[in-house]
Amino acid sequence: MTFEFQKLDLNALPSDVSVPSYVRGSLKPRVAHIGFGAFARAHVAMHLHETLAAGGGDWGMRVIELFGTSDLFDKLEENDHLYTLVETADEGTNTRLLGAVCETQHLARDGVEALIDGLAEEQLKVISLTVTEKGYCVKNGKLDLDNAMIQQDLSSPSAPKTAIGLIVAGLAKRRALGNGPITVMSCDNLPHNGVLCGIAVREFAAKLDAELAAWIEENVSFPSTMVDRIVPALTDESRELIHESLGGQVDLNGIVCEPFRQWVIEDNFKAGRPQWELAGAQLVADVEPFEEMKLRTLNGSHSFLAYLGFLAGKETIADCAADPVFYAEARKLMVDEQLPTLDVPGDVDLVAYADSLLKRYSNSKLKHRTWQIAADGTQKMPQRWLNSVKFHLANGGDYRHLVLGIGGWMNYIRADRNGESYEVVDPLKEKLAAIVANGGADETTYVDNLLALDSVFPSELVANDEFKKAVHNAYRAVAEKGAAQAVADLAD
């Protein structure tokens, strides 16, 4: 079914659809969020909406996009910046209109000067962003000066195209106007996101102006965050669910997600912040233990199920969880191989956390595609799997589920599932394709060439004969027996 835009009629909404209870006319853009994709709508803006509902205030959000067209933003404005969130589970759905957004800015529509001016406004206190790991333009812990877009922004700093370039341009103008300190908060799903964001911004600024870099060091904080909510890409089925939940109305900015959400925020803000704790966020001194818990358990098991499940013909995570073998082995991955590597506060029940993840995976209403999760594996594997493997090698632990995941990835990037081809989405896509083409016929050469990717596999792992042998065996097990049997063999 094709859905055409229509302005939402609030008077015609079903009675179970909630609308904002706070006074939206008083909202000011005190938070600017760069990258208003599905996750930002379902998590970051939702928390601000609930904060306003619980405590009132004027902390509104301006949302910013740098790429694509402004079409969805135009439609969001026509709906007075309201959009639909549908939380769905096997037990039922909960539908509401969210209202924390009060302004939109799009680079193509509004021009770069408007975006820079907005970030320099005195009333703005927090810049948040969800731009994916690629959007930070960081490589090996430093700003990637070989990145073509970073080079372009450094040569034309008043006309930035990247989020990092835009933030620095906004901070430079803020400094020039004397508009005071501000916080830049990454909300992307990557470890030490605040640290990486700070590195990118400070190193970019230092290339332009040492005094600006010094001002940023003194006046801008970069708190880290841990975000957790499963928000699948929109499908025809989820669009139909939004349509039905609105009583036959259409919202092209609507989003579908799971009911669960968690947000852990480092409480390090230079100019104040919304009372996100009113919406259930946890404000802590150190986010890292929570980051590692989520990355290794949730994200690590997600990747395990994504590669091996996809190769076994399972299209969604719920399909994997419905298979008793995949369910059991994903739990063993978390409980036996990931949890021992973690150091978290004593009041966190890690086994209960792992079991809660499996319950979330079993949500059949959430069509979280294994192919979608399998994207960008070269960037995800180090923090999701390889750090745990290093722990077990140093401590004599078992890591056979982790290494089978690596073997699954090595088979997945061949882009061949029983004769069916598919797209491999990865920042190293061309390099991976060349390895497949040049050495794919010989198992030893192929695996060794992949292990030679030093941006993925640390040299200490590649130099470990036990690890190399385990990877070769895991690759061969999936290639020869198939993913389903290779996972089943883990139970032996």
Protein backbone atom coordinates (compact mmCIF):
# COMPACT_ATOMS: atom_id res chain seq x y z
CA MET A 1 0.00 0.00 0.00
CA THR A 2 1.29 3.46 -0.92
CA PHE A 3 0.79 6.19 1.65
CA GLU A 4 0.50 9.84 0.64
CA PHE A 5 1.04 12.73 3.01
CA GLN A 6 -1.93 14.09 4.88
CA LYS A 7 -2.06 16.58 7.71
CA LEU A 8 -2.86 14.88 10.98
CA ASP A 9 -6.34 15.57 12.35
CA LEU A 10 -5.92 15.47 16.12
CA ASN A 11 -9.67 15.48 16.63
CA ALA A 12 -10.05 12.27 14.64
CA LEU A 13 -7.43 10.22 16.48
CA PRO A 14 -8.51 7.02 18.22
CA SER A 15 -9.11 7.51 21.94
CA ASP A 16 -6.11 5.38 22.90
CA VAL A 17 -3.63 7.62 21.05
CA SER A 18 -2.07 10.08 23.50
CA VAL A 19 -1.04 13.62 22.57
CA PRO A 20 1.34 16.02 24.35
CA SER A 21 0.02 17.23 27.70
CA TYR A 22 2.49 20.11 28.06
CA VAL A 23 2.30 23.61 26.58
CA ARG A 24 4.19 23.31 23.32
CA GLY A 25 3.92 26.99 22.49
CA SER A 26 6.46 27.83 25.18
CA LEU A 27 9.16 25.51 23.82
CA LYS A 28 12.47 27.04 22.77
CA PRO A 29 15.22 25.26 20.83
CA ARG A 30 17.53 24.61 23.76
CA VAL A 31 18.63 21.26 22.31
CA ALA A 32 19.80 20.93 18.71
CA HIS A 33 19.92 17.38 17.43
CA ILE A 34 21.91 16.52 14.30
CA GLY A 35 20.70 13.43 12.43
CA PHE A 36 16.97 12.96 12.98
CA GLY A 37 16.68 9.37 11.83
CA ALA A 38 14.58 6.55 13.23
CA PHE A 39 16.58 6.08 16.41
CA ALA A 40 16.64 9.78 17.27
CA ARG A 41 12.88 9.96 16.87
CA ALA A 42 12.21 6.83 18.93
CA HIS A 43 14.75 7.45 21.70
CA VAL A 44 16.37 10.88 22.05
CA ALA A 45 13.35 13.04 21.17
CA MET A 46 11.03 10.63 22.98
CA HIS A 47 12.94 11.08 26.25
CA LEU A 48 12.69 14.85 25.93
CA HIS A 49 8.96 14.50 25.25
CA GLU A 50 8.52 12.46 28.43
CA THR A 51 10.68 14.90 30.40
CA LEU A 52 8.39 17.74 29.36
CA ALA A 53 5.31 15.69 30.15
CA ALA A 54 6.61 14.95 33.66
CA GLY A 55 8.10 18.31 34.57
CA GLY A 56 7.11 20.95 32.04
CA GLY A 57 9.61 23.62 31.04
CA ASP A 58 10.73 25.11 27.74
CA TRP A 59 13.40 22.62 26.64
CA GLY A 60 12.41 22.15 23.01
CA MET A 61 14.44 20.48 20.27
CA ARG A 62 15.59 21.77 16.91
CA VAL A 63 16.34 18.89 14.55
CA ILE A 64 18.98 19.18 11.84
CA GLU A 65 19.74 17.14 8.74
CA LEU A 66 22.77 17.53 6.50
CA PHE A 67 21.98 15.04 3.75
CA GLY A 68 19.15 14.07 1.43
CA THR A 69 16.11 16.22 0.76
CA SER A 70 14.02 18.22 3.19
CA ASP A 71 10.80 16.44 2.21
CA LEU A 72 10.18 14.71 5.55
CA PHE A 73 11.09 17.85 7.48
CA ASP A 74 8.63 19.85 5.37
CA LYS A 75 5.92 17.35 6.25
CA LEU A 76 6.93 17.42 9.91
CA GLU A 77 6.46 21.19 9.92
CA GLU A 78 3.04 20.87 8.30
CA ASN A 79 2.07 18.67 11.25
CA ASP A 80 3.27 21.29 13.75
CA HIS A 81 6.38 19.14 14.38
CA LEU A 82 4.28 16.29 15.80
CA TYR A 83 5.00 12.71 14.78
CA THR A 84 3.85 9.24 15.77
CA LEU A 85 5.63 6.67 17.89
CA VAL A 86 4.19 3.15 17.99
CA GLU A 87 5.66 0.80 20.58
CA THR A 88 4.79 -2.75 19.62
CA ALA A 89 5.11 -6.14 21.28
CA ASP A 90 3.27 -9.44 21.29
CA GLU A 91 1.21 -8.10 24.21
CA GLY A 92 -0.09 -5.14 22.19
CA THR A 93 0.78 -1.64 21.01
CA ASN A 94 1.03 1.83 22.53
CA THR A 95 0.65 4.81 20.21
CA ARG A 96 1.34 8.45 20.94
CA LEU A 97 2.19 11.71 19.25
CA LEU A 98 5.48 13.21 20.39
CA GLY A 99 5.87 16.96 20.62
CA ALA A 100 9.33 17.92 21.89
CA VAL A 101 10.49 19.04 18.43
CA CYS A 102 9.82 22.72 17.83
CA GLU A 103 12.02 23.56 14.81
CA THR A 104 13.65 21.90 11.81
CA GLN A 105 16.70 22.89 9.80
CA HIS A 106 17.91 21.21 6.63
CA LEU A 107 21.18 22.07 4.94
CA ALA A 108 19.76 21.88 1.42
CA ARG A 109 16.66 23.90 2.28
CA ASP A 110 17.88 26.46 4.80
CA GLY A 111 21.53 26.93 3.90
CA VAL A 112 24.64 26.42 5.96
CA GLU A 113 24.65 29.91 7.53
CA ALA A 114 21.30 29.27 9.20
CA LEU A 115 22.59 26.03 10.69
CA ILE A 116 25.77 27.69 11.99
CA ASP A 117 23.81 30.62 13.41
CA GLY A 118 21.48 28.22 15.18
CA LEU A 119 24.32 26.42 16.95
CA ALA A 120 25.69 29.77 18.11
CA GLU A 121 22.45 30.94 19.77
CA GLU A 122 22.80 31.75 23.45
CA GLN A 123 19.56 29.91 24.31
CA LEU A 124 20.98 26.66 22.92
CA LYS A 125 22.55 24.59 25.69
CA VAL A 126 23.00 21.09 24.25
CA ILE A 127 24.00 19.83 20.80
CA SER A 128 23.19 16.13 20.49
CA LEU A 129 23.80 13.90 17.51
CA THR A 130 23.10 10.50 16.00
CA VAL A 131 25.15 10.35 12.82
CA THR A 132 26.42 6.72 13.01
CA GLU A 133 30.05 5.85 13.62
CA LYS A 134 31.00 6.95 10.10
CA GLY A 135 29.72 10.45 10.81
CA TYR A 136 32.47 11.19 13.34
CA CYS A 137 35.21 10.72 10.74
CA VAL A 138 37.54 9.15 13.31
CA LYS A 139 40.11 6.49 12.46
CA ASN A 140 42.33 4.72 14.98
CA GLY A 141 41.23 7.10 17.71
CA LYS A 142 42.02 10.29 15.81
CA LEU A 143 40.30 12.59 13.34
CA ASP A 144 40.68 11.00 9.90
CA LEU A 145 42.52 13.69 7.98
CA ASP A 146 42.44 11.49 4.88
CA ASN A 147 38.65 11.60 4.82
CA ALA A 148 37.64 13.53 1.70
CA MET A 149 34.75 15.32 3.42
CA ILE A 150 36.93 16.37 6.35
CA GLN A 151 39.51 17.70 3.91
CA GLN A 152 36.77 19.63 2.14
CA ASP A 153 35.48 21.09 5.40
CA LEU A 154 38.96 22.10 6.54
CA SER A 155 39.52 23.90 3.24
CA SER A 156 36.08 25.58 3.43
CA PRO A 157 35.25 25.81 7.15
CA SER A 158 32.43 28.29 6.60
CA ALA A 159 30.60 25.82 4.35
CA PRO A 160 30.82 22.50 6.23
CA LYS A 161 29.26 19.29 4.96
CA THR A 162 30.03 17.03 7.93
CA ALA A 163 28.54 17.06 11.41
CA ILE A 164 31.99 17.66 12.89
CA GLY A 165 32.67 20.60 10.58
CA LEU A 166 29.25 22.08 11.32
CA ILE A 167 29.69 21.78 15.08
CA VAL A 168 33.10 23.47 14.96
CA ALA A 169 31.73 26.27 12.77
CA GLY A 170 28.88 26.76 15.23
CA LEU A 171 31.25 26.79 18.20
CA ALA A 172 33.53 29.28 16.47
CA LYS A 173 30.63 31.68 15.96
CA ARG A 174 29.40 31.06 19.50
CA ARG A 175 32.81 32.03 20.82
CA ALA A 176 32.93 35.13 18.63
CA LEU A 177 29.53 36.25 19.93
CA GLY A 178 30.40 35.53 23.55
CA ASN A 179 27.40 33.23 23.94
CA GLY A 180 28.94 30.99 26.53
CA PRO A 181 29.56 27.30 27.20
CA ILE A 182 27.65 24.41 25.70
CA THR A 183 27.57 20.60 25.72
CA VAL A 184 28.00 18.32 22.70
CA MET A 185 26.46 14.91 23.41
CA SER A 186 26.86 11.89 21.16
CA CYS A 187 23.94 9.45 21.26
CA ASP A 188 25.33 6.95 18.77
CA ASN A 189 25.76 3.29 19.55
CA LEU A 190 29.53 3.12 19.87
CA PRO A 191 31.87 2.84 22.84
CA HIS A 192 33.26 6.02 24.39
CA ASN A 193 31.09 8.03 22.03
CA GLY A 194 31.63 11.27 23.93
CA VAL A 195 35.39 10.79 23.95
CA LEU A 196 35.47 10.13 20.19
CA CYS A 197 33.20 13.08 19.47
CA GLY A 198 35.42 15.33 21.58
CA ILE A 199 38.55 14.13 19.81
CA ALA A 200 37.04 14.81 16.39
CA VAL A 201 35.79 18.29 17.32
CA ARG A 202 38.94 19.41 19.13
CA GLU A 203 41.35 18.09 16.49
CA PHE A 204 39.30 19.65 13.68
CA ALA A 205 39.26 22.99 15.53
CA ALA A 206 43.01 22.80 16.21
CA LYS A 207 43.66 22.52 12.48
CA LEU A 208 41.87 25.83 12.00
CA ASP A 209 42.59 27.95 15.06
CA ALA A 210 44.59 27.11 18.18
CA GLU A 211 42.71 29.71 20.22
CA LEU A 212 39.37 28.22 19.19
CA ALA A 213 40.60 24.77 20.21
CA ALA A 214 41.63 26.16 23.61
CA TRP A 215 38.21 27.80 24.04
CA ILE A 216 36.49 24.51 23.23
CA GLU A 217 38.66 22.71 25.77
CA GLU A 218 37.49 25.13 28.45
CA ASN A 219 33.87 25.73 27.46
CA VAL A 220 32.53 22.57 25.80
CA SER A 221 31.89 19.21 27.43
CA PHE A 222 31.46 15.90 25.61
CA PRO A 223 29.58 13.46 27.85
CA SER A 224 29.37 9.83 26.83
CA THR A 225 26.05 8.02 26.68
CA MET A 226 24.77 4.47 26.41
CA VAL A 227 21.61 4.11 24.36
CA ASP A 228 19.46 1.02 24.03
CA ARG A 229 16.27 0.61 22.08
CA ILE A 230 15.56 -1.64 19.11
CA VAL A 231 14.25 0.53 16.28
CA PRO A 232 14.04 -1.45 13.03
CA ALA A 233 14.07 0.24 9.65
CA LEU A 234 10.57 1.08 8.44
CA THR A 235 8.87 -1.54 6.28
CA ASP A 236 5.54 -1.67 4.48
CA GLU A 237 4.24 -3.69 7.43
CA SER A 238 5.32 -1.11 10.02
CA ARG A 239 3.90 1.74 7.93
CA GLU A 240 0.61 -0.14 7.85
CA LEU A 241 0.77 -0.51 11.64
CA ILE A 242 1.18 3.25 12.02
CA HIS A 243 -1.74 3.79 9.64
CA GLU A 244 -3.97 1.42 11.62
CA SER A 245 -2.88 2.83 14.98
CA LEU A 246 -3.86 6.33 13.85
CA GLY A 247 -7.33 5.18 12.85
CA GLY A 248 -6.60 5.34 9.13
CA GLN A 249 -4.51 8.52 9.14
CA VAL A 250 -1.03 8.72 7.62
CA ASP A 251 2.16 9.97 9.26
CA LEU A 252 5.21 9.70 7.03
CA ASN A 253 7.46 10.66 9.97
CA GLY A 254 6.03 7.95 12.20
CA ILE A 255 8.24 5.24 13.65
CA VAL A 256 7.77 1.78 15.18
CA CYS A 257 9.95 0.38 17.95
CA GLU A 258 9.99 -1.96 20.93
CA PRO A 259 8.62 -0.83 24.33
CA PHE A 260 11.98 -1.24 26.10
CA ARG A 261 14.40 1.68 26.30
CA GLN A 262 17.46 2.53 28.36
CA TRP A 263 19.56 5.67 28.38
CA VAL A 264 22.62 6.09 30.59
CA ILE A 265 24.19 9.55 30.45
CA GLU A 266 27.45 10.85 31.88
CA ASP A 267 26.37 13.82 34.00
CA ASN A 268 28.86 16.30 32.56
CA PHE A 269 27.07 19.36 31.21
CA LYS A 270 28.51 22.86 30.87
CA ALA A 271 25.31 24.88 30.55
CA GLY A 272 22.49 22.91 32.12
CA ARG A 273 20.36 20.11 30.72
CA PRO A 274 16.79 18.81 30.65
CA GLN A 275 15.74 16.69 33.63
CA TRP A 276 15.99 13.49 31.60
CA GLU A 277 15.84 11.43 34.79
CA LEU A 278 12.12 12.29 34.91
CA ALA A 279 11.82 10.16 31.76
CA GLY A 280 13.79 7.26 33.22
CA ALA A 281 17.30 8.15 32.05
CA GLN A 282 20.17 7.27 34.37
CA LEU A 283 22.63 10.10 35.05
CA VAL A 284 25.94 8.62 36.21
CA ALA A 285 29.56 9.57 36.72
CA ASP A 286 30.91 6.81 34.47
CA VAL A 287 29.06 5.34 31.49
CA GLU A 288 31.73 2.86 30.41
CA PRO A 289 30.55 -0.17 32.44
CA PHE A 290 27.06 0.20 30.98
CA GLU A 291 28.48 0.71 27.47
CA GLU A 292 30.49 -2.49 27.66
CA MET A 293 27.55 -4.43 29.11
CA LYS A 294 25.33 -3.44 26.23
CA LEU A 295 27.91 -3.69 23.46
CA ARG A 296 29.09 -7.16 24.42
CA THR A 297 25.78 -8.71 25.42
CA LEU A 298 23.07 -7.10 23.30
CA ASN A 299 25.12 -5.97 20.32
CA GLY A 300 27.45 -8.95 20.48
CA SER A 301 24.60 -11.47 20.48
CA HIS A 302 22.77 -9.44 17.83
CA SER A 303 25.74 -9.75 15.48
CA PHE A 304 26.08 -13.47 16.27
CA LEU A 305 22.43 -14.00 15.32
CA ALA A 306 22.63 -11.63 12.36
CA TYR A 307 25.42 -13.38 10.45
CA LEU A 308 24.66 -16.96 11.38
CA GLY A 309 20.90 -16.47 11.38
CA PHE A 310 20.88 -14.77 8.00
CA LEU A 311 23.01 -17.51 6.47
CA ALA A 312 20.61 -20.07 7.96
CA GLY A 313 17.68 -18.39 6.21
CA LYS A 314 16.31 -16.49 9.20
CA GLU A 315 15.17 -13.04 8.13
CA THR A 316 14.61 -11.44 11.54
CA ILE A 317 15.99 -11.61 15.06
CA ALA A 318 12.59 -12.90 16.20
CA ASP A 319 12.97 -15.79 13.75
CA CYS A 320 16.31 -16.61 15.39
CA ALA A 321 14.84 -16.41 18.89
CA ALA A 322 12.01 -18.73 17.86
CA ASP A 323 14.57 -21.43 17.04
CA PRO A 324 15.43 -23.23 20.32
CA VAL A 325 19.00 -23.93 19.17
CA PHE A 326 19.80 -20.35 18.18
CA TYR A 327 18.08 -19.08 21.35
CA ALA A 328 20.11 -21.39 23.59
CA GLU A 329 23.45 -20.67 21.90
CA ALA A 330 22.88 -16.90 21.92
CA ARG A 331 22.27 -17.17 25.67
CA LYS A 332 25.48 -19.18 26.12
CA LEU A 333 27.38 -16.55 24.15
CA MET A 334 26.17 -13.88 26.55
CA VAL A 335 26.30 -15.76 29.86
CA ASP A 336 29.39 -17.93 29.35
CA GLU A 337 31.58 -15.78 27.12
CA GLN A 338 30.56 -12.12 27.44
CA LEU A 339 29.44 -11.65 31.04
CA PRO A 340 32.77 -12.86 32.54
CA THR A 341 34.54 -10.03 30.71
CA LEU A 342 32.42 -7.29 32.30
CA ASP A 343 32.99 -5.12 35.36
CA VAL A 344 29.68 -3.46 36.25
CA PRO A 345 28.16 -1.98 39.42
CA GLY A 346 27.28 -4.64 41.97
CA ASP A 347 23.55 -4.02 41.84
CA VAL A 348 23.34 -5.08 38.18
CA ASP A 349 22.09 -8.67 37.71
CA LEU A 350 23.90 -9.62 34.52
CA VAL A 351 22.21 -12.98 34.00
CA ALA A 352 18.79 -11.37 34.39
CA TYR A 353 19.91 -8.71 31.91
CA ALA A 354 20.90 -11.38 29.38
CA ASP A 355 17.56 -13.15 29.82
CA SER A 356 15.71 -9.86 29.35
CA LEU A 357 17.50 -9.40 26.03
CA LEU A 358 16.33 -12.79 24.80
CA LYS A 359 12.78 -11.87 25.75
CA ARG A 360 13.11 -8.70 23.69
CA TYR A 361 14.51 -10.68 20.76
CA SER A 362 11.42 -12.90 20.89
CA ASN A 363 9.11 -9.96 20.11
CA SER A 364 7.55 -11.24 16.88
CA LYS A 365 5.96 -7.86 16.16
CA LEU A 366 9.35 -6.25 15.76
CA LYS A 367 10.71 -7.13 12.34
CA HIS A 368 14.37 -6.42 13.05
CA ARG A 369 16.10 -7.81 9.99
CA THR A 370 19.24 -9.86 10.36
CA TRP A 371 20.56 -8.33 7.13
CA GLN A 372 20.17 -4.83 8.58
CA ILE A 373 22.09 -5.72 11.75
CA ALA A 374 24.81 -7.40 9.68
CA ALA A 375 25.83 -4.06 8.12
CA ASP A 376 29.19 -2.42 8.93
CA GLY A 377 30.71 -5.54 10.46
CA THR A 378 34.29 -4.31 10.17
CA GLN A 379 33.43 -1.42 12.48
CA LYS A 380 31.32 -3.44 14.91
CA MET A 381 33.37 -6.58 15.52
CA PRO A 382 36.22 -5.10 17.59
CA GLN A 383 34.06 -3.80 20.42
CA ARG A 384 31.36 -6.48 20.19
CA TRP A 385 33.56 -9.58 19.98
CA LEU A 386 37.30 -9.10 19.69
CA ASN A 387 37.91 -7.41 23.03
CA SER A 388 36.18 -10.35 24.69
CA VAL A 389 38.31 -12.81 22.72
CA LYS A 390 41.44 -11.04 23.98
CA PHE A 391 40.15 -11.39 27.54
CA HIS A 392 39.61 -15.13 27.16
CA LEU A 393 42.98 -15.72 25.53
CA ALA A 394 44.63 -13.95 28.45
CA ASN A 395 42.59 -15.83 31.05
CA GLY A 396 42.16 -19.26 29.52
CA GLY A 397 38.44 -18.85 28.91
CA ASP A 398 36.10 -20.35 26.32
CA TYR A 399 35.30 -18.22 23.27
CA ARG A 400 33.95 -20.73 20.75
CA HIS A 401 30.66 -18.87 20.24
CA LEU A 402 32.52 -15.63 19.62
CA VAL A 403 34.85 -17.23 17.11
CA LEU A 404 31.95 -18.92 15.32
CA GLY A 405 30.47 -15.45 14.94
CA ILE A 406 33.69 -14.37 13.23
CA GLY A 407 33.50 -17.41 10.98
CA GLY A 408 29.90 -16.49 10.20
CA TRP A 409 30.94 -12.96 9.23
CA MET A 410 33.68 -14.29 6.96
CA ASN A 411 31.11 -16.43 5.17
CA TYR A 412 28.50 -13.66 5.12
CA ILE A 413 30.70 -11.16 3.27
CA ARG A 414 30.96 -13.57 0.34
CA ALA A 415 27.44 -12.30 -0.51
CA ASP A 416 26.20 -15.78 -1.37
CA ARG A 417 23.45 -17.55 0.55
CA ASN A 418 22.85 -20.88 -1.15
CA GLY A 419 23.16 -19.27 -4.56
CA GLU A 420 21.23 -16.13 -3.57
CA SER A 421 23.25 -12.91 -3.81
CA TYR A 422 22.74 -9.90 -1.54
CA GLU A 423 24.38 -6.57 -0.85
CA VAL A 424 27.11 -6.40 1.77
CA VAL A 425 26.96 -2.98 3.43
CA ASP A 426 30.29 -2.03 4.99
CA PRO A 427 32.70 0.93 4.88
CA LEU A 428 35.36 -1.53 3.64
CA LYS A 429 33.01 -3.00 1.05
CA GLU A 430 35.41 -2.63 -1.89
CA LYS A 431 38.34 -4.07 0.03
CA LEU A 432 36.26 -7.02 1.22
CA ALA A 433 35.00 -7.67 -2.31
CA ALA A 434 38.59 -7.69 -3.57
CA ILE A 435 39.59 -10.26 -0.94
CA VAL A 436 36.64 -12.44 -1.93
CA ALA A 437 37.53 -12.12 -5.62
CA ASN A 438 41.27 -12.66 -5.27
CA GLY A 439 41.54 -15.35 -2.62
CA GLY A 440 38.08 -16.64 -1.99
CA ALA A 441 38.62 -20.01 -3.62
CA ASP A 442 41.38 -20.97 -1.21
CA GLU A 443 40.16 -21.14 2.39
CA THR A 444 43.54 -20.55 4.02
CA THR A 445 44.42 -17.56 1.85
CA TYR A 446 40.95 -16.09 2.19
CA VAL A 447 40.84 -16.24 6.00
CA ASP A 448 44.42 -15.01 6.34
CA ASN A 449 43.70 -12.05 4.05
CA LEU A 450 40.72 -11.08 6.18
CA LEU A 451 42.74 -11.41 9.37
CA ALA A 452 45.30 -9.07 7.81
CA LEU A 453 42.78 -6.20 7.97
CA ASP A 454 44.62 -4.32 10.70
CA SER A 455 41.80 -1.81 11.18
CA VAL A 456 39.63 -4.75 12.29
CA PHE A 457 41.83 -7.45 13.82
CA PRO A 458 44.47 -6.35 16.37
CA SER A 459 47.99 -7.58 15.68
CA GLU A 460 48.11 -9.37 19.05
CA LEU A 461 45.20 -11.56 17.99
CA VAL A 462 46.53 -12.26 14.52
CA ALA A 463 49.87 -13.27 16.03
CA ASN A 464 48.16 -15.78 18.32
CA ASP A 465 48.26 -19.24 16.72
CA GLU A 466 45.41 -20.55 18.86
CA PHE A 467 43.13 -17.74 17.72
CA LYS A 468 44.08 -18.10 14.06
CA LYS A 469 43.43 -21.83 14.13
CA ALA A 470 40.07 -21.29 15.82
CA VAL A 471 39.04 -18.75 13.18
CA HIS A 472 40.02 -21.06 10.32
CA ASN A 473 38.05 -23.89 11.91
CA ALA A 474 35.01 -21.68 12.48
CA TYR A 475 35.03 -20.41 8.91
CA ARG A 476 35.32 -23.96 7.60
CA ALA A 477 32.51 -25.22 9.86
CA VAL A 478 30.05 -22.65 8.51
CA ALA A 479 31.21 -23.04 4.91
CA GLU A 480 31.04 -26.84 4.88
CA LYS A 481 28.18 -27.66 7.26
CA GLY A 482 26.05 -24.57 6.92
CA ALA A 483 25.32 -21.98 9.59
CA ALA A 484 22.44 -23.85 11.22
CA GLN A 485 24.47 -27.02 11.77
CA ALA A 486 27.53 -25.07 12.90
CA VAL A 487 25.42 -23.38 15.59
CA ALA A 488 23.84 -26.70 16.57
CA ASP A 489 27.30 -28.22 16.96
CA LEU A 490 28.07 -25.66 19.67
CA ALA A 491 25.69 -27.55 21.94
CA ASP A 492 27.86 -30.67 21.85
